[in-house]
Amino acid sequence: MKKLILIAATAFVSMASFANVDPVNGRVLEAFRTSFADAKNVQWKSLDESGLFQATFNYQNSDLSAFFNEEGEMVAVARYINKANLPIMVTKQIQERYPEHIIQTAIEHIAYGATTYHITMSSPKSSLVVAVSPSGDISVSKKIKHKM
């Protein structure tokens, strides 16, 4: 009898521990499944401070992150893209404004219908993270000077 109580208590504690593993509510899951039915390797994370849920997954051979609010509305999606796939105006403006920098990574971020490209670049003197609109408007998010 004691073993049965111990097993039941252990199972209860285990279930309670795992109950918080999946932070996503039904509306969010349904919205995700509707938008990305063939997604693979889905991992969820609750972004508590913002009230958003982030899913990272593979979809059509691309690694994506999708962000949903508690009502199940997808508010943003992001993916790494090849620098060769950046819009012409983005590439042109970066080359004109930062000719000494080389693009390291590019992330396409779409939120509420607006697209922004987050570009990480480096040169011998500094590294930059910039946000660029499809039309080529650039704002510097972070700049790190290298010690020479």
N, C-alpha and C. Protein backbone atom coordinates (compact mmCIF):
# COMPACT_ATOMS: atom_id res chain seq x y z
N MET A 1 0.81 -1.19 0.00
CA MET A 1 0.00 0.00 0.00
C MET A 1 0.87 1.27 0.00
N LYS A 2 1.96 1.22 0.82
CA LYS A 2 2.85 2.37 0.87
C LYS A 2 3.50 2.61 -0.49
N LYS A 3 3.85 1.50 -1.18
CA LYS A 3 4.45 1.63 -2.51
C LYS A 3 3.47 2.27 -3.48
N LEU A 4 2.21 1.89 -3.40
CA LEU A 4 1.18 2.44 -4.28
C LEU A 4 1.02 3.94 -4.04
N ILE A 5 1.01 4.34 -2.78
CA ILE A 5 0.89 5.77 -2.45
C ILE A 5 2.12 6.51 -2.95
N LEU A 6 3.31 5.93 -2.77
CA LEU A 6 4.55 6.56 -3.22
C LEU A 6 4.56 6.70 -4.74
N ILE A 7 4.13 5.68 -5.46
CA ILE A 7 4.06 5.73 -6.93
C ILE A 7 3.06 6.79 -7.38
N ALA A 8 1.91 6.83 -6.74
CA ALA A 8 0.89 7.82 -7.09
C ALA A 8 1.39 9.24 -6.82
N ALA A 9 2.06 9.43 -5.69
CA ALA A 9 2.60 10.75 -5.36
C ALA A 9 3.67 11.17 -6.36
N THR A 10 4.54 10.23 -6.72
CA THR A 10 5.59 10.51 -7.69
C THR A 10 4.99 10.86 -9.05
N ALA A 11 3.98 10.12 -9.47
CA ALA A 11 3.32 10.40 -10.75
C ALA A 11 2.67 11.77 -10.73
N PHE A 12 2.03 12.11 -9.60
CA PHE A 12 1.37 13.42 -9.48
C PHE A 12 2.39 14.55 -9.57
N VAL A 13 3.52 14.39 -8.85
CA VAL A 13 4.56 15.41 -8.89
C VAL A 13 5.13 15.52 -10.30
N SER A 14 5.35 14.39 -10.96
CA SER A 14 5.87 14.41 -12.33
C SER A 14 4.91 15.11 -13.27
N MET A 15 3.62 14.80 -13.16
CA MET A 15 2.64 15.44 -14.04
C MET A 15 2.58 16.92 -13.77
N ALA A 16 2.65 17.32 -12.50
CA ALA A 16 2.62 18.74 -12.16
C ALA A 16 3.86 19.44 -12.70
N SER A 17 5.00 18.76 -12.66
CA SER A 17 6.23 19.35 -13.17
C SER A 17 6.15 19.54 -14.67
N PHE A 18 5.61 18.56 -15.37
CA PHE A 18 5.55 18.64 -16.82
C PHE A 18 4.36 19.45 -17.32
N ALA A 19 3.45 19.81 -16.45
CA ALA A 19 2.28 20.58 -16.88
C ALA A 19 2.70 21.95 -17.39
N ASN A 20 3.81 22.49 -16.90
CA ASN A 20 4.25 23.82 -17.32
C ASN A 20 5.25 23.79 -18.48
N VAL A 21 5.57 22.61 -18.98
CA VAL A 21 6.54 22.50 -20.07
C VAL A 21 6.00 23.14 -21.33
N ASP A 22 4.75 22.93 -21.66
CA ASP A 22 4.14 23.48 -22.87
C ASP A 22 3.36 24.73 -22.47
N PRO A 23 3.93 25.92 -22.70
CA PRO A 23 3.29 27.15 -22.24
C PRO A 23 2.18 27.65 -23.16
N VAL A 24 1.88 26.92 -24.21
CA VAL A 24 1.01 27.42 -25.27
C VAL A 24 -0.44 27.03 -25.04
N ASN A 25 -1.34 27.99 -25.25
CA ASN A 25 -2.76 27.67 -25.12
C ASN A 25 -3.32 27.12 -26.44
N GLY A 26 -4.54 26.65 -26.39
CA GLY A 26 -5.17 26.02 -27.56
C GLY A 26 -5.32 26.93 -28.76
N ARG A 27 -5.65 28.21 -28.53
CA ARG A 27 -5.81 29.15 -29.64
C ARG A 27 -4.49 29.35 -30.38
N VAL A 28 -3.40 29.42 -29.62
CA VAL A 28 -2.09 29.61 -30.23
C VAL A 28 -1.71 28.37 -31.04
N LEU A 29 -1.90 27.20 -30.46
CA LEU A 29 -1.58 25.96 -31.17
C LEU A 29 -2.40 25.82 -32.45
N GLU A 30 -3.68 26.12 -32.38
CA GLU A 30 -4.54 26.02 -33.56
C GLU A 30 -4.09 26.99 -34.65
N ALA A 31 -3.77 28.22 -34.26
CA ALA A 31 -3.30 29.21 -35.24
C ALA A 31 -1.98 28.76 -35.87
N PHE A 32 -1.09 28.21 -35.05
CA PHE A 32 0.19 27.72 -35.57
C PHE A 32 -0.03 26.59 -36.56
N ARG A 33 -0.84 25.62 -36.17
CA ARG A 33 -1.09 24.47 -37.05
C ARG A 33 -1.76 24.88 -38.35
N THR A 34 -2.62 25.90 -38.30
CA THR A 34 -3.27 26.39 -39.52
C THR A 34 -2.25 27.05 -40.45
N SER A 35 -1.34 27.83 -39.87
CA SER A 35 -0.35 28.55 -40.68
C SER A 35 0.81 27.68 -41.15
N PHE A 36 1.20 26.71 -40.31
CA PHE A 36 2.40 25.92 -40.60
C PHE A 36 2.12 24.43 -40.39
N ALA A 37 1.19 23.90 -41.16
CA ALA A 37 0.74 22.52 -40.98
C ALA A 37 1.87 21.50 -41.12
N ASP A 38 2.85 21.76 -41.96
CA ASP A 38 3.92 20.80 -42.20
C ASP A 38 5.19 21.10 -41.41
N ALA A 39 5.09 21.92 -40.37
CA ALA A 39 6.27 22.29 -39.57
C ALA A 39 6.86 21.07 -38.88
N LYS A 40 8.18 21.08 -38.76
CA LYS A 40 8.89 19.99 -38.10
C LYS A 40 9.77 20.57 -36.99
N ASN A 41 10.06 19.73 -36.00
CA ASN A 41 10.96 20.10 -34.90
C ASN A 41 10.53 21.39 -34.20
N VAL A 42 9.27 21.47 -33.85
CA VAL A 42 8.71 22.68 -33.23
C VAL A 42 9.10 22.73 -31.76
N GLN A 43 9.60 23.89 -31.34
CA GLN A 43 9.91 24.15 -29.94
C GLN A 43 9.26 25.46 -29.55
N TRP A 44 8.61 25.45 -28.39
CA TRP A 44 7.88 26.62 -27.91
C TRP A 44 8.60 27.27 -26.75
N LYS A 45 8.45 28.59 -26.68
CA LYS A 45 8.98 29.34 -25.55
C LYS A 45 8.01 30.47 -25.25
N SER A 46 7.72 30.66 -23.98
CA SER A 46 6.88 31.78 -23.55
C SER A 46 7.77 32.99 -23.30
N LEU A 47 7.44 34.10 -23.92
CA LEU A 47 8.16 35.35 -23.70
C LEU A 47 7.33 36.15 -22.70
N ASP A 48 7.43 35.74 -21.44
CA ASP A 48 6.55 36.24 -20.38
C ASP A 48 6.40 37.75 -20.34
N GLU A 49 7.50 38.47 -20.45
CA GLU A 49 7.45 39.92 -20.32
C GLU A 49 6.61 40.58 -21.41
N SER A 50 6.49 39.95 -22.56
CA SER A 50 5.74 40.55 -23.66
C SER A 50 4.36 39.93 -23.86
N GLY A 51 4.10 38.81 -23.19
CA GLY A 51 2.83 38.12 -23.40
C GLY A 51 2.77 37.35 -24.71
N LEU A 52 3.92 37.12 -25.33
CA LEU A 52 3.98 36.42 -26.61
C LEU A 52 4.51 35.01 -26.43
N PHE A 53 4.21 34.18 -27.42
CA PHE A 53 4.74 32.82 -27.49
C PHE A 53 5.58 32.72 -28.76
N GLN A 54 6.77 32.12 -28.65
CA GLN A 54 7.65 31.96 -29.79
C GLN A 54 7.77 30.48 -30.14
N ALA A 55 7.53 30.18 -31.40
CA ALA A 55 7.75 28.83 -31.92
C ALA A 55 8.96 28.90 -32.84
N THR A 56 9.93 28.02 -32.62
CA THR A 56 11.04 27.88 -33.56
C THR A 56 10.88 26.51 -34.19
N PHE A 57 11.06 26.43 -35.51
CA PHE A 57 10.75 25.21 -36.23
C PHE A 57 11.34 25.23 -37.62
N ASN A 58 11.25 24.10 -38.29
CA ASN A 58 11.67 23.98 -39.67
C ASN A 58 10.41 23.87 -40.53
N TYR A 59 10.36 24.70 -41.56
CA TYR A 59 9.20 24.71 -42.46
C TYR A 59 9.70 24.89 -43.88
N GLN A 60 9.39 23.94 -44.73
CA GLN A 60 9.81 23.97 -46.13
C GLN A 60 11.31 24.21 -46.26
N ASN A 61 12.08 23.45 -45.48
CA ASN A 61 13.54 23.50 -45.48
C ASN A 61 14.13 24.84 -45.02
N SER A 62 13.37 25.63 -44.27
CA SER A 62 13.87 26.87 -43.69
C SER A 62 13.63 26.85 -42.19
N ASP A 63 14.58 27.39 -41.43
CA ASP A 63 14.39 27.53 -40.00
C ASP A 63 13.69 28.86 -39.74
N LEU A 64 12.56 28.79 -39.05
CA LEU A 64 11.74 29.97 -38.80
C LEU A 64 11.49 30.15 -37.31
N SER A 65 11.13 31.37 -36.95
CA SER A 65 10.57 31.68 -35.64
C SER A 65 9.27 32.43 -35.91
N ALA A 66 8.20 32.00 -35.25
CA ALA A 66 6.92 32.69 -35.37
C ALA A 66 6.50 33.12 -33.98
N PHE A 67 5.89 34.30 -33.88
CA PHE A 67 5.50 34.88 -32.61
C PHE A 67 3.98 35.08 -32.60
N PHE A 68 3.34 34.59 -31.54
CA PHE A 68 1.89 34.66 -31.41
C PHE A 68 1.52 35.34 -30.11
N ASN A 69 0.41 36.12 -30.13
CA ASN A 69 -0.09 36.65 -28.87
C ASN A 69 -1.04 35.62 -28.25
N GLU A 70 -1.56 35.92 -27.05
CA GLU A 70 -2.39 34.96 -26.33
C GLU A 70 -3.70 34.63 -27.03
N GLU A 71 -4.15 35.52 -27.93
CA GLU A 71 -5.39 35.28 -28.67
C GLU A 71 -5.16 34.37 -29.88
N GLY A 72 -3.90 34.02 -30.14
CA GLY A 72 -3.60 33.15 -31.27
C GLY A 72 -3.29 33.90 -32.55
N GLU A 73 -3.15 35.20 -32.47
CA GLU A 73 -2.81 36.00 -33.65
C GLU A 73 -1.30 35.96 -33.86
N MET A 74 -0.87 35.60 -35.08
CA MET A 74 0.55 35.63 -35.39
C MET A 74 0.94 37.09 -35.60
N VAL A 75 1.85 37.58 -34.77
CA VAL A 75 2.24 38.98 -34.83
C VAL A 75 3.56 39.19 -35.56
N ALA A 76 4.37 38.14 -35.68
CA ALA A 76 5.65 38.28 -36.39
C ALA A 76 6.16 36.91 -36.80
N VAL A 77 7.00 36.92 -37.83
CA VAL A 77 7.71 35.72 -38.26
C VAL A 77 9.09 36.17 -38.73
N ALA A 78 10.10 35.34 -38.45
CA ALA A 78 11.46 35.70 -38.83
C ALA A 78 12.19 34.47 -39.34
N ARG A 79 13.17 34.73 -40.24
CA ARG A 79 13.99 33.63 -40.76
C ARG A 79 15.33 34.19 -41.21
N TYR A 80 16.34 33.34 -41.12
CA TYR A 80 17.63 33.69 -41.70
C TYR A 80 17.51 33.57 -43.21
N ILE A 81 18.12 34.52 -43.91
CA ILE A 81 18.15 34.44 -45.37
C ILE A 81 19.58 34.62 -45.85
N ASN A 82 19.85 34.12 -47.02
CA ASN A 82 21.15 34.28 -47.65
C ASN A 82 21.30 35.74 -48.06
N LYS A 83 22.48 36.30 -47.86
CA LYS A 83 22.68 37.71 -48.21
C LYS A 83 22.43 37.98 -49.70
N ALA A 84 22.58 36.96 -50.53
CA ALA A 84 22.29 37.11 -51.96
C ALA A 84 20.79 37.31 -52.22
N ASN A 85 19.96 36.95 -51.24
CA ASN A 85 18.51 37.08 -51.40
C ASN A 85 17.95 38.37 -50.81
N LEU A 86 18.81 39.25 -50.32
CA LEU A 86 18.34 40.54 -49.82
C LEU A 86 17.81 41.39 -50.98
N PRO A 87 16.82 42.23 -50.74
CA PRO A 87 16.34 43.12 -51.80
C PRO A 87 17.47 44.01 -52.32
N ILE A 88 17.39 44.37 -53.57
CA ILE A 88 18.42 45.16 -54.21
C ILE A 88 18.67 46.48 -53.47
N MET A 89 17.60 47.17 -53.05
CA MET A 89 17.77 48.46 -52.36
C MET A 89 18.47 48.29 -51.02
N VAL A 90 18.23 47.18 -50.33
CA VAL A 90 18.88 46.93 -49.06
C VAL A 90 20.38 46.76 -49.30
N THR A 91 20.75 45.90 -50.24
CA THR A 91 22.15 45.66 -50.55
C THR A 91 22.84 46.93 -51.03
N LYS A 92 22.18 47.68 -51.90
CA LYS A 92 22.75 48.92 -52.45
C LYS A 92 23.04 49.93 -51.34
N GLN A 93 22.08 50.15 -50.45
CA GLN A 93 22.27 51.13 -49.39
C GLN A 93 23.36 50.71 -48.40
N ILE A 94 23.42 49.42 -48.09
CA ILE A 94 24.47 48.93 -47.19
C ILE A 94 25.84 49.11 -47.82
N GLN A 95 25.97 48.78 -49.10
CA GLN A 95 27.27 48.92 -49.78
C GLN A 95 27.69 50.38 -49.87
N GLU A 96 26.73 51.28 -50.09
CA GLU A 96 27.05 52.71 -50.19
C GLU A 96 27.43 53.29 -48.82
N ARG A 97 26.69 52.94 -47.81
CA ARG A 97 26.90 53.53 -46.48
C ARG A 97 28.04 52.86 -45.70
N TYR A 98 28.24 51.57 -45.92
CA TYR A 98 29.26 50.82 -45.18
C TYR A 98 30.12 50.00 -46.14
N PRO A 99 30.88 50.65 -47.02
CA PRO A 99 31.63 49.91 -48.04
C PRO A 99 32.72 48.99 -47.47
N GLU A 100 33.21 49.30 -46.29
CA GLU A 100 34.27 48.48 -45.70
C GLU A 100 33.75 47.27 -44.93
N HIS A 101 32.43 47.20 -44.74
CA HIS A 101 31.84 46.10 -43.97
C HIS A 101 31.40 44.94 -44.87
N ILE A 102 31.48 43.74 -44.30
CA ILE A 102 31.03 42.53 -44.99
C ILE A 102 29.83 41.97 -44.23
N ILE A 103 28.78 41.65 -44.95
CA ILE A 103 27.57 41.09 -44.33
C ILE A 103 27.87 39.69 -43.82
N GLN A 104 27.57 39.46 -42.54
CA GLN A 104 27.77 38.15 -41.92
C GLN A 104 26.47 37.35 -41.90
N THR A 105 25.40 37.97 -41.39
CA THR A 105 24.10 37.29 -41.31
C THR A 105 22.99 38.27 -41.69
N ALA A 106 21.89 37.70 -42.17
CA ALA A 106 20.71 38.50 -42.51
C ALA A 106 19.47 37.76 -42.01
N ILE A 107 18.63 38.50 -41.32
CA ILE A 107 17.36 37.96 -40.82
C ILE A 107 16.23 38.79 -41.41
N GLU A 108 15.29 38.11 -42.04
CA GLU A 108 14.08 38.77 -42.55
C GLU A 108 13.03 38.68 -41.46
N HIS A 109 12.50 39.82 -41.04
CA HIS A 109 11.55 39.88 -39.93
C HIS A 109 10.29 40.58 -40.42
N ILE A 110 9.17 39.91 -40.33
CA ILE A 110 7.89 40.48 -40.77
C ILE A 110 6.99 40.57 -39.55
N ALA A 111 6.59 41.80 -39.21
CA ALA A 111 5.71 42.02 -38.05
C ALA A 111 4.61 42.98 -38.45
N TYR A 112 3.37 42.57 -38.21
CA TYR A 112 2.20 43.39 -38.51
C TYR A 112 2.24 43.91 -39.95
N GLY A 113 2.70 43.06 -40.87
CA GLY A 113 2.71 43.40 -42.28
C GLY A 113 3.91 44.21 -42.75
N ALA A 114 4.80 44.61 -41.85
CA ALA A 114 5.98 45.39 -42.23
C ALA A 114 7.22 44.50 -42.18
N THR A 115 8.03 44.57 -43.22
CA THR A 115 9.25 43.76 -43.30
C THR A 115 10.46 44.60 -42.93
N THR A 116 11.32 44.01 -42.13
CA THR A 116 12.60 44.63 -41.76
C THR A 116 13.68 43.57 -41.89
N TYR A 117 14.85 43.99 -42.35
CA TYR A 117 15.99 43.09 -42.45
C TYR A 117 17.00 43.48 -41.38
N HIS A 118 17.35 42.53 -40.52
CA HIS A 118 18.34 42.75 -39.48
C HIS A 118 19.64 42.14 -39.98
N ILE A 119 20.62 43.01 -40.20
CA ILE A 119 21.88 42.61 -40.83
C ILE A 119 23.02 42.77 -39.83
N THR A 120 23.84 41.73 -39.72
CA THR A 120 25.06 41.80 -38.94
C THR A 120 26.22 41.91 -39.92
N MET A 121 27.07 42.93 -39.70
CA MET A 121 28.20 43.18 -40.60
C MET A 121 29.47 43.37 -39.79
N SER A 122 30.60 43.16 -40.44
CA SER A 122 31.87 43.40 -39.75
C SER A 122 32.90 43.96 -40.71
N SER A 123 33.85 44.69 -40.13
CA SER A 123 35.02 45.21 -40.83
C SER A 123 36.19 45.07 -39.86
N PRO A 124 37.39 45.34 -40.30
CA PRO A 124 38.51 45.26 -39.36
C PRO A 124 38.37 46.23 -38.18
N LYS A 125 37.64 47.33 -38.37
CA LYS A 125 37.52 48.35 -37.33
C LYS A 125 36.30 48.18 -36.42
N SER A 126 35.20 47.61 -36.95
CA SER A 126 33.98 47.52 -36.14
C SER A 126 33.03 46.44 -36.65
N SER A 127 32.08 46.12 -35.78
CA SER A 127 30.97 45.24 -36.15
C SER A 127 29.68 46.03 -35.93
N LEU A 128 28.71 45.77 -36.78
CA LEU A 128 27.44 46.49 -36.71
C LEU A 128 26.26 45.54 -36.81
N VAL A 129 25.18 45.91 -36.15
CA VAL A 129 23.89 45.29 -36.39
C VAL A 129 22.98 46.44 -36.81
N VAL A 130 22.39 46.30 -37.99
CA VAL A 130 21.52 47.35 -38.51
C VAL A 130 20.15 46.77 -38.86
N ALA A 131 19.16 47.62 -38.82
CA ALA A 131 17.82 47.28 -39.28
C ALA A 131 17.60 48.08 -40.57
N VAL A 132 17.15 47.39 -41.61
CA VAL A 132 16.99 48.02 -42.92
C VAL A 132 15.60 47.73 -43.45
N SER A 133 14.93 48.78 -43.93
CA SER A 133 13.62 48.60 -44.56
C SER A 133 13.84 48.10 -45.99
N PRO A 134 12.80 47.53 -46.61
CA PRO A 134 12.96 47.07 -48.00
C PRO A 134 13.36 48.19 -48.97
N SER A 135 13.03 49.44 -48.63
CA SER A 135 13.40 50.56 -49.49
C SER A 135 14.82 51.05 -49.23
N GLY A 136 15.48 50.51 -48.19
CA GLY A 136 16.88 50.86 -47.93
C GLY A 136 17.12 51.81 -46.78
N ASP A 137 16.08 52.19 -46.03
CA ASP A 137 16.28 53.05 -44.86
C ASP A 137 17.01 52.24 -43.79
N ILE A 138 18.12 52.78 -43.26
CA ILE A 138 18.97 52.06 -42.32
C ILE A 138 18.96 52.73 -40.96
N SER A 139 18.86 51.92 -39.90
CA SER A 139 19.09 52.41 -38.55
C SER A 139 20.03 51.44 -37.84
N VAL A 140 21.01 51.99 -37.13
CA VAL A 140 21.99 51.18 -36.44
C VAL A 140 21.42 50.73 -35.10
N SER A 141 21.40 49.42 -34.89
CA SER A 141 20.92 48.87 -33.62
C SER A 141 22.06 48.71 -32.62
N LYS A 142 23.23 48.36 -33.12
CA LYS A 142 24.37 48.12 -32.24
C LYS A 142 25.66 48.31 -33.02
N LYS A 143 26.65 48.95 -32.37
CA LYS A 143 27.96 49.14 -32.99
C LYS A 143 29.03 48.79 -31.96
N ILE A 144 29.97 47.95 -32.39
CA ILE A 144 31.07 47.55 -31.51
C ILE A 144 32.37 47.87 -32.23
N LYS A 145 33.19 48.71 -31.60
CA LYS A 145 34.51 49.04 -32.18
C LYS A 145 35.49 47.96 -31.75
N HIS A 146 36.29 47.50 -32.71
CA HIS A 146 37.30 46.49 -32.44
C HIS A 146 38.57 47.16 -31.96
N LYS A 147 39.24 46.54 -31.02
CA LYS A 147 40.53 47.04 -30.56
C LYS A 147 41.57 46.67 -31.60
N MET A 148 42.41 47.61 -31.89
CA MET A 148 43.43 47.36 -32.91
C MET A 148 44.80 47.25 -32.29
